[in-house]
Amino acid sequence: MLRLGIIGTGSISRDALTPAIGEVDGATLWSVLSRDKANAARFAQEHNAASPAPAFDDLKHFLSDPDLDAVVIATPDKLHAEQTIAAAAAGKHVLVEKPMATTVEDADAMIQACRNADVRLGVAYHLRWHLGHRELAARAHRGDLGDIRFARAQWTFQAPNAANWRAHDEVGRWWSLAGVGTHSLDWLRWMLVPVCGEVTEVASTITRNVLGSAHDESAAVSLRFESGAVAQFVSSALFVAPNRGEICGTAGYAYCSETIGRGGGGRIDTDNGQISFTEVNPYAGEIADFVSAIKEGRDPEVSGEEGRRNIELLCEICPQ
């Protein structure tokens, strides 16, 4: 049984990651780290953490537990690098929430620390474990849609104000891009890179003028790939709209309705009819892959290098 510790007790840990751990055979929630030890204790009790002493408010003490095998980092973005490097130094495997860092230099340091310590490093892009997406990716990669010419993704949300930590510089760098846009970027690269090559050009329009955030409130991004294929994605903290994805090729197309998001449902229609898939928890899929990667001594499907490329592109899309 692989013993996992959670760093951070926010909504993504509470609502997605910790329940997902409970769905995965061979994994258990072992311990919890929070800035507030009482909060860590409540979280550990609510989620049945298995350690006899599961609550911590000190990173070094948390990582010194010899029974802890791996950590899941779900803290604000600018904290990821320091926590990942410390975990690697303590011999713990790391699954880090997206985006993995806020600079390419930090991403490189995280990758190197985990390589030096011979621990696995994965980045939590759960859209890759939506079973409809996995079937669509398989079809796109084996050429069922012909040569891919265009793709698009959209995931937005509506914030009431700029109180969220991502809207400010202290522990964040991007807002809508870090909250949801990074997922759309990963989804597009996952679908297109194997058949279209890497992203070679980036253009973006960023707005910051509604809620008063120092960071992106909305972003409209265009990408060009080596093959000449073009893609677009939109992220925003200003409005709620249907989440969707599209892929268009010379031999067919696919349209994803409400599959991009936290859940495993929605609908995917193609020129040849609807893609059937089982609705499963995609967060459980990413946890299961992380656990398997540790046991098999391989990189997780979304490796540190994949996460780094996402950061590199985010830095081009929104440099400040």
C-alpha atoms as a PDB file:
ATOM      1  CA  MET A   1       0.000   0.000   0.000  1.00  0.00           C
ATOM      2  CA  LEU A   2       1.512   3.288  -1.120  1.00  0.00           C
ATOM      3  CA  ARG A   3       1.197   5.944   1.592  1.00  0.00           C
ATOM      4  CA  LEU A   4       0.449   9.424   0.187  1.00  0.00           C
ATOM      5  CA  GLY A   5       0.646  12.732   2.007  1.00  0.00           C
ATOM      6  CA  ILE A   6      -1.330  15.799   0.925  1.00  0.00           C
ATOM      7  CA  ILE A   7       0.320  19.229   1.049  1.00  0.00           C
ATOM      8  CA  GLY A   8      -2.428  21.835   1.033  1.00  0.00           C
ATOM      9  CA  THR A   9      -6.041  21.531   2.185  1.00  0.00           C
ATOM     10  CA  GLY A  10      -7.877  23.784  -0.272  1.00  0.00           C
ATOM     11  CA  SER A  11     -10.852  22.905  -2.449  1.00  0.00           C
ATOM     12  CA  ILE A  12      -8.904  20.843  -4.993  1.00  0.00           C
ATOM     13  CA  SER A  13      -7.567  18.622  -2.199  1.00  0.00           C
ATOM     14  CA  ARG A  14     -10.898  18.412  -0.426  1.00  0.00           C
ATOM     15  CA  ASP A  15     -13.187  17.914  -3.411  1.00  0.00           C
ATOM     16  CA  ALA A  16     -11.028  16.085  -5.954  1.00  0.00           C
ATOM     17  CA  LEU A  17      -7.609  14.740  -4.977  1.00  0.00           C
ATOM     18  CA  THR A  18      -8.331  13.182  -1.587  1.00  0.00           C
ATOM     19  CA  PRO A  19     -11.549  11.436  -2.708  1.00  0.00           C
ATOM     20  CA  ALA A  20      -9.615  10.175  -5.747  1.00  0.00           C
ATOM     21  CA  ILE A  21      -6.954   8.608  -3.520  1.00  0.00           C
ATOM     22  CA  GLY A  22      -9.759   6.675  -1.833  1.00  0.00           C
ATOM     23  CA  GLU A  23     -10.797   5.212  -5.205  1.00  0.00           C
ATOM     24  CA  VAL A  24      -7.362   3.852  -6.092  1.00  0.00           C
ATOM     25  CA  ASP A  25      -6.375   0.321  -5.108  1.00  0.00           C
ATOM     26  CA  GLY A  26      -2.907   0.228  -3.620  1.00  0.00           C
ATOM     27  CA  ALA A  27      -2.949   3.812  -2.292  1.00  0.00           C
ATOM     28  CA  THR A  28      -4.006   5.399   0.968  1.00  0.00           C
ATOM     29  CA  LEU A  29      -4.081   8.902   2.391  1.00  0.00           C
ATOM     30  CA  TRP A  30      -1.413   8.831   5.101  1.00  0.00           C
ATOM     31  CA  SER A  31      -0.840  12.384   6.328  1.00  0.00           C
ATOM     32  CA  VAL A  32      -1.713  16.045   5.793  1.00  0.00           C
ATOM     33  CA  LEU A  33       0.325  19.264   5.828  1.00  0.00           C
ATOM     34  CA  SER A  34      -1.313  22.668   6.275  1.00  0.00           C
ATOM     35  CA  ARG A  35      -0.173  26.063   7.520  1.00  0.00           C
ATOM     36  CA  ASP A  36      -2.577  25.508  10.441  1.00  0.00           C
ATOM     37  CA  LYS A  37      -2.066  22.241  12.329  1.00  0.00           C
ATOM     38  CA  ALA A  38      -5.637  22.285  13.634  1.00  0.00           C
ATOM     39  CA  ASN A  39      -6.865  22.541  10.050  1.00  0.00           C
ATOM     40  CA  ALA A  40      -4.582  19.667   9.053  1.00  0.00           C
ATOM     41  CA  ALA A  41      -5.977  17.588  11.915  1.00  0.00           C
ATOM     42  CA  ARG A  42      -9.577  18.283  10.879  1.00  0.00           C
ATOM     43  CA  PHE A  43      -8.816  17.431   7.273  1.00  0.00           C
ATOM     44  CA  ALA A  44      -7.020  14.229   8.266  1.00  0.00           C
ATOM     45  CA  GLN A  45      -9.923  13.148  10.450  1.00  0.00           C
ATOM     46  CA  GLU A  46     -12.563  13.968   7.828  1.00  0.00           C
ATOM     47  CA  HIS A  47     -10.694  11.965   5.189  1.00  0.00           C
ATOM     48  CA  ASN A  48      -9.563   9.062   7.393  1.00  0.00           C
ATOM     49  CA  ALA A  49      -5.831   9.598   7.075  1.00  0.00           C
ATOM     50  CA  ALA A  50      -4.150   6.348   8.083  1.00  0.00           C
ATOM     51  CA  SER A  51      -1.094   7.601   9.986  1.00  0.00           C
ATOM     52  CA  PRO A  52      -1.331   7.443  13.780  1.00  0.00           C
ATOM     53  CA  ALA A  53      -0.066  11.049  13.806  1.00  0.00           C
ATOM     54  CA  PRO A  54      -1.328  12.487  10.493  1.00  0.00           C
ATOM     55  CA  ALA A  55      -1.404  16.271  10.997  1.00  0.00           C
ATOM     56  CA  PHE A  56       1.539  18.620  10.355  1.00  0.00           C
ATOM     57  CA  ASP A  57       2.222  22.327   9.986  1.00  0.00           C
ATOM     58  CA  ASP A  58       5.965  22.024   9.325  1.00  0.00           C
ATOM     59  CA  LEU A  59       7.268  20.781   5.958  1.00  0.00           C
ATOM     60  CA  LYS A  60      10.501  19.308   7.287  1.00  0.00           C
ATOM     61  CA  HIS A  61       8.732  17.399  10.058  1.00  0.00           C
ATOM     62  CA  PHE A  62       6.073  16.186   7.600  1.00  0.00           C
ATOM     63  CA  LEU A  63       8.696  14.886   5.163  1.00  0.00           C
ATOM     64  CA  SER A  64      10.811  13.243   7.859  1.00  0.00           C
ATOM     65  CA  ASP A  65       8.192  10.504   8.397  1.00  0.00           C
ATOM     66  CA  PRO A  66       9.892   7.294   7.216  1.00  0.00           C
ATOM     67  CA  ASP A  67       6.502   5.685   6.496  1.00  0.00           C
ATOM     68  CA  LEU A  68       5.514   8.393   4.005  1.00  0.00           C
ATOM     69  CA  ASP A  69       6.141   7.236   0.422  1.00  0.00           C
ATOM     70  CA  ALA A  70       4.975  10.130  -1.757  1.00  0.00           C
ATOM     71  CA  VAL A  71       3.371  13.558  -1.644  1.00  0.00           C
ATOM     72  CA  VAL A  72       0.622  15.275  -3.591  1.00  0.00           C
ATOM     73  CA  ILE A  73       1.284  19.023  -3.695  1.00  0.00           C
ATOM     74  CA  ALA A  74      -1.833  21.189  -3.974  1.00  0.00           C
ATOM     75  CA  THR A  75      -0.635  24.555  -2.714  1.00  0.00           C
ATOM     76  CA  PRO A  76      -0.390  27.966  -4.438  1.00  0.00           C
ATOM     77  CA  ASP A  77       1.746  27.906  -7.553  1.00  0.00           C
ATOM     78  CA  LYS A  78       4.808  29.795  -6.316  1.00  0.00           C
ATOM     79  CA  LEU A  79       5.233  27.292  -3.453  1.00  0.00           C
ATOM     80  CA  HIS A  80       5.483  24.227  -5.685  1.00  0.00           C
ATOM     81  CA  ALA A  81       9.191  24.397  -6.458  1.00  0.00           C
ATOM     82  CA  GLU A  82      10.429  24.689  -2.869  1.00  0.00           C
ATOM     83  CA  GLN A  83       8.083  21.930  -1.681  1.00  0.00           C
ATOM     84  CA  THR A  84       8.940  19.594  -4.561  1.00  0.00           C
ATOM     85  CA  ILE A  85      12.681  20.033  -4.088  1.00  0.00           C
ATOM     86  CA  ALA A  86      12.356  19.401  -0.344  1.00  0.00           C
ATOM     87  CA  ALA A  87      10.251  16.293  -0.949  1.00  0.00           C
ATOM     88  CA  ALA A  88      12.782  14.916  -3.419  1.00  0.00           C
ATOM     89  CA  ALA A  89      15.617  15.536  -0.957  1.00  0.00           C
ATOM     90  CA  ALA A  90      13.627  13.509   1.589  1.00  0.00           C
ATOM     91  CA  GLY A  91      13.234  10.648  -0.890  1.00  0.00           C
ATOM     92  CA  LYS A  92       9.524  11.167  -1.530  1.00  0.00           C
ATOM     93  CA  HIS A  93       7.874  10.830  -4.935  1.00  0.00           C
ATOM     94  CA  VAL A  94       5.921  13.911  -6.068  1.00  0.00           C
ATOM     95  CA  LEU A  95       2.659  14.566  -7.884  1.00  0.00           C
ATOM     96  CA  VAL A  96       2.312  18.336  -8.174  1.00  0.00           C
ATOM     97  CA  GLU A  97      -0.767  20.297  -9.147  1.00  0.00           C
ATOM     98  CA  LYS A  98      -0.706  22.343 -12.313  1.00  0.00           C
ATOM     99  CA  PRO A  99       0.959  24.579 -13.293  1.00  0.00           C
ATOM    100  CA  MET A 100       4.005  22.895 -11.801  1.00  0.00           C
ATOM    101  CA  ALA A 101       5.869  26.192 -11.315  1.00  0.00           C
ATOM    102  CA  THR A 102       5.783  29.852 -12.300  1.00  0.00           C
ATOM    103  CA  THR A 103       9.166  29.998 -14.069  1.00  0.00           C
ATOM    104  CA  VAL A 104      11.026  27.653 -16.372  1.00  0.00           C
ATOM    105  CA  GLU A 105      14.019  27.863 -14.026  1.00  0.00           C
ATOM    106  CA  ASP A 106      11.936  26.548 -11.120  1.00  0.00           C
ATOM    107  CA  ALA A 107      10.534  23.757 -13.304  1.00  0.00           C
ATOM    108  CA  ASP A 108      14.080  22.764 -14.280  1.00  0.00           C
ATOM    109  CA  ALA A 109      15.165  22.731 -10.628  1.00  0.00           C
ATOM    110  CA  MET A 110      12.214  20.506  -9.701  1.00  0.00           C
ATOM    111  CA  ILE A 111      12.979  18.046 -12.490  1.00  0.00           C
ATOM    112  CA  GLN A 112      16.671  17.918 -11.603  1.00  0.00           C
ATOM    113  CA  ALA A 113      16.000  17.425  -7.887  1.00  0.00           C
ATOM    114  CA  CYS A 114      13.715  14.474  -8.578  1.00  0.00           C
ATOM    115  CA  ARG A 115      16.165  12.958 -11.079  1.00  0.00           C
ATOM    116  CA  ASN A 116      19.030  13.307  -8.610  1.00  0.00           C
ATOM    117  CA  ALA A 117      16.983  11.629  -5.864  1.00  0.00           C
ATOM    118  CA  ASP A 118      15.622   8.927  -8.210  1.00  0.00           C
ATOM    119  CA  VAL A 119      12.020   9.736  -7.316  1.00  0.00           C
ATOM    120  CA  ARG A 120       9.120  10.084  -9.716  1.00  0.00           C
ATOM    121  CA  LEU A 121       7.708  13.507 -10.629  1.00  0.00           C
ATOM    122  CA  GLY A 122       4.252  13.846 -12.158  1.00  0.00           C
ATOM    123  CA  VAL A 123       2.072  16.857 -12.977  1.00  0.00           C
ATOM    124  CA  ALA A 124      -1.671  16.740 -12.325  1.00  0.00           C
ATOM    125  CA  TYR A 125      -3.431  17.292 -15.648  1.00  0.00           C
ATOM    126  CA  HIS A 126      -6.536  15.227 -14.995  1.00  0.00           C
ATOM    127  CA  LEU A 127      -8.166  15.840 -18.405  1.00  0.00           C
ATOM    128  CA  ARG A 128      -5.883  13.139 -19.797  1.00  0.00           C
ATOM    129  CA  TRP A 129      -7.781  10.506 -17.779  1.00  0.00           C
ATOM    130  CA  HIS A 130     -11.240  11.363 -19.075  1.00  0.00           C
ATOM    131  CA  LEU A 131     -12.063   8.153 -20.944  1.00  0.00           C
ATOM    132  CA  GLY A 132     -13.735   9.998 -23.824  1.00  0.00           C
ATOM    133  CA  HIS A 133     -10.628  12.125 -24.263  1.00  0.00           C
ATOM    134  CA  ARG A 134      -8.440   9.032 -24.221  1.00  0.00           C
ATOM    135  CA  GLU A 135     -10.467   7.439 -27.017  1.00  0.00           C
ATOM    136  CA  LEU A 136     -10.416  10.678 -29.011  1.00  0.00           C
ATOM    137  CA  ALA A 137      -6.654  10.989 -28.582  1.00  0.00           C
ATOM    138  CA  ALA A 138      -6.195   7.407 -29.798  1.00  0.00           C
ATOM    139  CA  ARG A 139      -8.267   8.132 -32.909  1.00  0.00           C
ATOM    140  CA  ALA A 140      -6.450  11.380 -33.649  1.00  0.00           C
ATOM    141  CA  HIS A 141      -3.038   9.767 -33.184  1.00  0.00           C
ATOM    142  CA  ARG A 142      -3.741   6.810 -35.468  1.00  0.00           C
ATOM    143  CA  GLY A 143      -4.999   9.116 -38.226  1.00  0.00           C
ATOM    144  CA  ASP A 144      -8.765   8.541 -38.103  1.00  0.00           C
ATOM    145  CA  LEU A 145      -9.344  12.289 -38.506  1.00  0.00           C
ATOM    146  CA  GLY A 146      -6.752  12.600 -41.265  1.00  0.00           C
ATOM    147  CA  ASP A 147      -4.245  15.420 -41.034  1.00  0.00           C
ATOM    148  CA  ILE A 148      -5.201  17.673 -38.136  1.00  0.00           C
ATOM    149  CA  ARG A 149      -5.668  21.247 -39.336  1.00  0.00           C
ATOM    150  CA  PHE A 150      -7.398  22.988 -36.409  1.00  0.00           C
ATOM    151  CA  ALA A 151      -8.229  22.471 -32.740  1.00  0.00           C
ATOM    152  CA  ARG A 152      -9.836  24.588 -30.058  1.00  0.00           C
ATOM    153  CA  ALA A 153     -10.522  24.418 -26.316  1.00  0.00           C
ATOM    154  CA  GLN A 154     -12.475  26.599 -23.910  1.00  0.00           C
ATOM    155  CA  TRP A 155     -12.744  26.471 -20.102  1.00  0.00           C
ATOM    156  CA  THR A 156     -13.901  29.525 -18.158  1.00  0.00           C
ATOM    157  CA  PHE A 157     -15.277  30.463 -14.744  1.00  0.00           C
ATOM    158  CA  GLN A 158     -16.763  33.588 -13.168  1.00  0.00           C
ATOM    159  CA  ALA A 159     -15.064  35.066 -10.125  1.00  0.00           C
ATOM    160  CA  PRO A 160     -17.016  37.603  -8.044  1.00  0.00           C
ATOM    161  CA  ASN A 161     -13.944  39.733  -7.349  1.00  0.00           C
ATOM    162  CA  ALA A 162     -10.147  39.594  -7.352  1.00  0.00           C
ATOM    163  CA  ALA A 163      -9.799  38.109  -3.858  1.00  0.00           C
ATOM    164  CA  ASN A 164      -8.414  34.790  -5.126  1.00  0.00           C
ATOM    165  CA  TRP A 165      -4.696  34.266  -4.480  1.00  0.00           C
ATOM    166  CA  ARG A 166      -4.112  33.620  -8.191  1.00  0.00           C
ATOM    167  CA  ALA A 167      -5.131  37.208  -8.924  1.00  0.00           C
ATOM    168  CA  HIS A 168      -2.078  38.593  -7.094  1.00  0.00           C
ATOM    169  CA  ASP A 169       1.705  38.335  -7.109  1.00  0.00           C
ATOM    170  CA  GLU A 170       2.426  36.975  -3.622  1.00  0.00           C
ATOM    171  CA  VAL A 171       1.989  33.272  -4.445  1.00  0.00           C
ATOM    172  CA  GLY A 172       0.675  33.318  -8.014  1.00  0.00           C
ATOM    173  CA  ARG A 173       1.736  34.493 -11.473  1.00  0.00           C
ATOM    174  CA  TRP A 174      -1.309  33.778 -13.688  1.00  0.00           C
ATOM    175  CA  TRP A 175      -5.038  33.773 -12.862  1.00  0.00           C
ATOM    176  CA  SER A 176      -7.357  32.350 -15.535  1.00  0.00           C
ATOM    177  CA  LEU A 177      -4.390  30.754 -17.285  1.00  0.00           C
ATOM    178  CA  ALA A 178      -3.244  28.963 -14.133  1.00  0.00           C
ATOM    179  CA  GLY A 179      -6.735  28.084 -12.985  1.00  0.00           C
ATOM    180  CA  VAL A 180      -8.041  26.559 -16.219  1.00  0.00           C
ATOM    181  CA  GLY A 181      -6.091  27.723 -19.281  1.00  0.00           C
ATOM    182  CA  THR A 182      -3.112  25.512 -18.462  1.00  0.00           C
ATOM    183  CA  HIS A 183      -5.451  22.496 -18.745  1.00  0.00           C
ATOM    184  CA  SER A 184      -6.656  23.560 -22.195  1.00  0.00           C
ATOM    185  CA  LEU A 185      -3.058  24.076 -23.304  1.00  0.00           C
ATOM    186  CA  ASP A 186      -2.105  20.605 -22.075  1.00  0.00           C
ATOM    187  CA  TRP A 187      -5.179  19.069 -23.746  1.00  0.00           C
ATOM    188  CA  LEU A 188      -4.301  20.644 -27.089  1.00  0.00           C
ATOM    189  CA  ARG A 189      -0.644  19.575 -26.924  1.00  0.00           C
ATOM    190  CA  TRP A 190      -1.643  16.035 -25.892  1.00  0.00           C
ATOM    191  CA  MET A 191      -4.004  15.749 -28.843  1.00  0.00           C
ATOM    192  CA  LEU A 192      -1.809  17.404 -31.477  1.00  0.00           C
ATOM    193  CA  VAL A 193       1.919  17.058 -30.717  1.00  0.00           C
ATOM    194  CA  PRO A 194       2.206  13.340 -31.642  1.00  0.00           C
ATOM    195  CA  VAL A 195       0.857  14.038 -35.139  1.00  0.00           C
ATOM    196  CA  CYS A 196       1.505  17.767 -35.645  1.00  0.00           C
ATOM    197  CA  GLY A 197       4.841  18.316 -33.909  1.00  0.00           C
ATOM    198  CA  GLU A 198       5.561  20.943 -31.282  1.00  0.00           C
ATOM    199  CA  VAL A 199       4.194  24.448 -30.886  1.00  0.00           C
ATOM    200  CA  THR A 200       6.322  26.843 -32.922  1.00  0.00           C
ATOM    201  CA  GLU A 201       4.409  30.141 -32.680  1.00  0.00           C
ATOM    202  CA  VAL A 202       2.297  31.757 -29.964  1.00  0.00           C
ATOM    203  CA  ALA A 203       0.049  34.826 -30.077  1.00  0.00           C
ATOM    204  CA  SER A 204      -2.206  36.021 -27.276  1.00  0.00           C
ATOM    205  CA  THR A 205      -4.535  38.755 -26.117  1.00  0.00           C
ATOM    206  CA  ILE A 206      -4.677  39.272 -22.336  1.00  0.00           C
ATOM    207  CA  THR A 207      -7.102  41.477 -20.386  1.00  0.00           C
ATOM    208  CA  ARG A 208      -6.834  42.715 -16.794  1.00  0.00           C
ATOM    209  CA  ASN A 209      -9.296  45.612 -16.765  1.00  0.00           C
ATOM    210  CA  VAL A 210     -12.529  44.361 -15.126  1.00  0.00           C
ATOM    211  CA  LEU A 211     -11.853  43.056 -11.604  1.00  0.00           C
ATOM    212  CA  GLY A 212      -8.583  44.878 -11.071  1.00  0.00           C
ATOM    213  CA  SER A 213      -6.286  41.876 -10.920  1.00  0.00           C
ATOM    214  CA  ALA A 214      -2.597  42.274 -11.645  1.00  0.00           C
ATOM    215  CA  HIS A 215      -2.884  39.011 -13.593  1.00  0.00           C
ATOM    216  CA  ASP A 216      -4.810  37.724 -16.605  1.00  0.00           C
ATOM    217  CA  GLU A 217      -8.569  37.921 -16.169  1.00  0.00           C
ATOM    218  CA  SER A 218      -9.162  36.628 -19.699  1.00  0.00           C
ATOM    219  CA  ALA A 219      -6.813  35.155 -22.278  1.00  0.00           C
ATOM    220  CA  ALA A 220      -7.385  34.352 -25.947  1.00  0.00           C
ATOM    221  CA  VAL A 221      -4.472  32.324 -27.286  1.00  0.00           C
ATOM    222  CA  SER A 222      -3.463  31.105 -30.761  1.00  0.00           C
ATOM    223  CA  LEU A 223      -0.877  28.377 -31.363  1.00  0.00           C
ATOM    224  CA  ARG A 224       0.845  27.161 -34.523  1.00  0.00           C
ATOM    225  CA  PHE A 225       2.363  23.674 -34.682  1.00  0.00           C
ATOM    226  CA  GLU A 226       5.239  22.349 -36.797  1.00  0.00           C
ATOM    227  CA  SER A 227       2.857  20.739 -39.298  1.00  0.00           C
ATOM    228  CA  GLY A 228       1.098  24.059 -39.884  1.00  0.00           C
ATOM    229  CA  ALA A 229      -1.921  23.076 -37.782  1.00  0.00           C
ATOM    230  CA  VAL A 230      -3.365  25.923 -35.752  1.00  0.00           C
ATOM    231  CA  ALA A 231      -5.124  25.813 -32.395  1.00  0.00           C
ATOM    232  CA  GLN A 232      -6.838  28.250 -30.085  1.00  0.00           C
ATOM    233  CA  PHE A 233      -7.927  28.304 -26.474  1.00  0.00           C
ATOM    234  CA  VAL A 234      -9.797  30.736 -24.265  1.00  0.00           C
ATOM    235  CA  SER A 235      -9.576  31.013 -20.495  1.00  0.00           C
ATOM    236  CA  SER A 236     -11.359  33.548 -18.328  1.00  0.00           C
ATOM    237  CA  ALA A 237     -12.248  34.435 -14.753  1.00  0.00           C
ATOM    238  CA  LEU A 238     -15.031  36.723 -15.979  1.00  0.00           C
ATOM    239  CA  PHE A 239     -17.811  34.517 -17.387  1.00  0.00           C
ATOM    240  CA  VAL A 240     -19.315  31.063 -17.353  1.00  0.00           C
ATOM    241  CA  ALA A 241     -19.931  29.435 -20.730  1.00  0.00           C
ATOM    242  CA  PRO A 242     -20.169  25.868 -22.021  1.00  0.00           C
ATOM    243  CA  ASN A 243     -16.777  24.169 -21.852  1.00  0.00           C
ATOM    244  CA  ARG A 244     -15.841  22.606 -25.151  1.00  0.00           C
ATOM    245  CA  GLY A 245     -13.124  21.192 -27.340  1.00  0.00           C
ATOM    246  CA  GLU A 246     -12.859  20.705 -31.091  1.00  0.00           C
ATOM    247  CA  ILE A 247     -10.498  18.854 -33.406  1.00  0.00           C
ATOM    248  CA  CYS A 248     -10.810  19.169 -37.191  1.00  0.00           C
ATOM    249  CA  GLY A 249      -8.868  17.137 -39.731  1.00  0.00           C
ATOM    250  CA  THR A 250      -8.873  16.366 -43.434  1.00  0.00           C
ATOM    251  CA  ALA A 251     -10.861  13.148 -42.871  1.00  0.00           C
ATOM    252  CA  GLY A 252     -13.142  14.045 -39.982  1.00  0.00           C
ATOM    253  CA  TYR A 253     -13.856  16.094 -36.896  1.00  0.00           C
ATOM    254  CA  ALA A 254     -14.737  15.750 -33.220  1.00  0.00           C
ATOM    255  CA  TYR A 255     -16.690  18.109 -30.986  1.00  0.00           C
ATOM    256  CA  CYS A 256     -16.441  17.753 -27.212  1.00  0.00           C
ATOM    257  CA  SER A 257     -19.260  19.238 -25.138  1.00  0.00           C
ATOM    258  CA  GLU A 258     -18.713  19.603 -21.376  1.00  0.00           C
ATOM    259  CA  THR A 259     -15.933  17.021 -21.287  1.00  0.00           C
ATOM    260  CA  ILE A 260     -13.360  19.676 -20.440  1.00  0.00           C
ATOM    261  CA  GLY A 261     -13.839  20.315 -16.734  1.00  0.00           C
ATOM    262  CA  ARG A 262     -13.535  18.517 -13.420  1.00  0.00           C
ATOM    263  CA  GLY A 263     -15.805  15.585 -14.220  1.00  0.00           C
ATOM    264  CA  GLY A 264     -15.638  12.536 -16.431  1.00  0.00           C
ATOM    265  CA  GLY A 265     -18.897  13.069 -18.339  1.00  0.00           C
ATOM    266  CA  GLY A 266     -20.104  15.198 -21.228  1.00  0.00           C
ATOM    267  CA  ARG A 267     -20.489  14.204 -24.858  1.00  0.00           C
ATOM    268  CA  ILE A 268     -18.182  13.764 -27.852  1.00  0.00           C
ATOM    269  CA  ASP A 269     -19.665  13.839 -31.356  1.00  0.00           C
ATOM    270  CA  THR A 270     -17.739  13.059 -34.534  1.00  0.00           C
ATOM    271  CA  ASP A 271     -18.509  12.989 -38.231  1.00  0.00           C
ATOM    272  CA  ASN A 272     -18.988   9.219 -37.765  1.00  0.00           C
ATOM    273  CA  GLY A 273     -21.271   9.471 -34.762  1.00  0.00           C
ATOM    274  CA  GLN A 274     -20.981   9.790 -31.021  1.00  0.00           C
ATOM    275  CA  ILE A 275     -18.021   8.372 -29.093  1.00  0.00           C
ATOM    276  CA  SER A 276     -19.227   6.105 -26.311  1.00  0.00           C
ATOM    277  CA  PHE A 277     -17.286   6.100 -23.070  1.00  0.00           C
ATOM    278  CA  THR A 278     -17.742   5.212 -19.422  1.00  0.00           C
ATOM    279  CA  GLU A 279     -17.933   8.134 -17.009  1.00  0.00           C
ATOM    280  CA  VAL A 280     -15.171   7.736 -14.439  1.00  0.00           C
ATOM    281  CA  ASN A 281     -13.368  10.078 -12.055  1.00  0.00           C
ATOM    282  CA  PRO A 282     -10.381  11.478 -14.019  1.00  0.00           C
ATOM    283  CA  TYR A 283      -8.631  12.479 -10.790  1.00  0.00           C
ATOM    284  CA  ALA A 284      -8.614   8.821  -9.756  1.00  0.00           C
ATOM    285  CA  GLY A 285      -7.000   8.057 -13.110  1.00  0.00           C
ATOM    286  CA  GLU A 286      -4.139  10.477 -12.525  1.00  0.00           C
ATOM    287  CA  ILE A 287      -3.592   9.137  -8.987  1.00  0.00           C
ATOM    288  CA  ALA A 288      -3.633   5.551 -10.284  1.00  0.00           C
ATOM    289  CA  ASP A 289      -1.071   6.399 -12.982  1.00  0.00           C
ATOM    290  CA  PHE A 290       1.167   8.074 -10.380  1.00  0.00           C
ATOM    291  CA  VAL A 291       0.971   5.020  -8.118  1.00  0.00           C
ATOM    292  CA  SER A 292       1.709   2.675 -11.025  1.00  0.00           C
ATOM    293  CA  ALA A 293       4.647   4.822 -12.144  1.00  0.00           C
ATOM    294  CA  ILE A 294       6.217   4.537  -8.686  1.00  0.00           C
ATOM    295  CA  LYS A 295       5.717   0.780  -8.545  1.00  0.00           C
ATOM    296  CA  GLU A 296       7.000   0.286 -12.101  1.00  0.00           C
ATOM    297  CA  GLY A 297       9.926   2.704 -11.826  1.00  0.00           C
ATOM    298  CA  ARG A 298       8.808   4.819 -14.794  1.00  0.00           C
ATOM    299  CA  ASP A 299       7.801   8.430 -15.339  1.00  0.00           C
ATOM    300  CA  PRO A 300       4.121   9.269 -14.839  1.00  0.00           C
ATOM    301  CA  GLU A 301       2.250   9.841 -18.088  1.00  0.00           C
ATOM    302  CA  VAL A 302       2.424  13.595 -17.541  1.00  0.00           C
ATOM    303  CA  SER A 303       6.080  13.926 -16.574  1.00  0.00           C
ATOM    304  CA  GLY A 304       7.969  16.879 -15.212  1.00  0.00           C
ATOM    305  CA  GLU A 305       9.254  17.545 -18.719  1.00  0.00           C
ATOM    306  CA  GLU A 306       5.682  17.766 -20.024  1.00  0.00           C
ATOM    307  CA  GLY A 307       4.791  20.135 -17.217  1.00  0.00           C
ATOM    308  CA  ARG A 308       7.884  22.222 -17.982  1.00  0.00           C
ATOM    309  CA  ARG A 309       6.852  22.670 -21.623  1.00  0.00           C
ATOM    310  CA  ASN A 310       3.474  23.958 -20.436  1.00  0.00           C
ATOM    311  CA  ILE A 311       5.253  26.523 -18.217  1.00  0.00           C
ATOM    312  CA  GLU A 312       7.513  27.540 -21.083  1.00  0.00           C
ATOM    313  CA  LEU A 313       4.495  28.268 -23.263  1.00  0.00           C
ATOM    314  CA  LEU A 314       2.597  30.060 -20.474  1.00  0.00           C
ATOM    315  CA  CYS A 315       5.610  32.348 -20.097  1.00  0.00           C
ATOM    316  CA  GLU A 316       5.365  33.176 -23.811  1.00  0.00           C
ATOM    317  CA  ILE A 317       1.586  33.589 -23.689  1.00  0.00           C
ATOM    318  CA  CYS A 318       1.605  35.897 -20.666  1.00  0.00           C
ATOM    319  CA  PRO A 319       5.124  37.058 -19.765  1.00  0.00           C
ATOM    320  CA  GLN A 320       4.024  39.302 -16.873  1.00  0.00           C
END
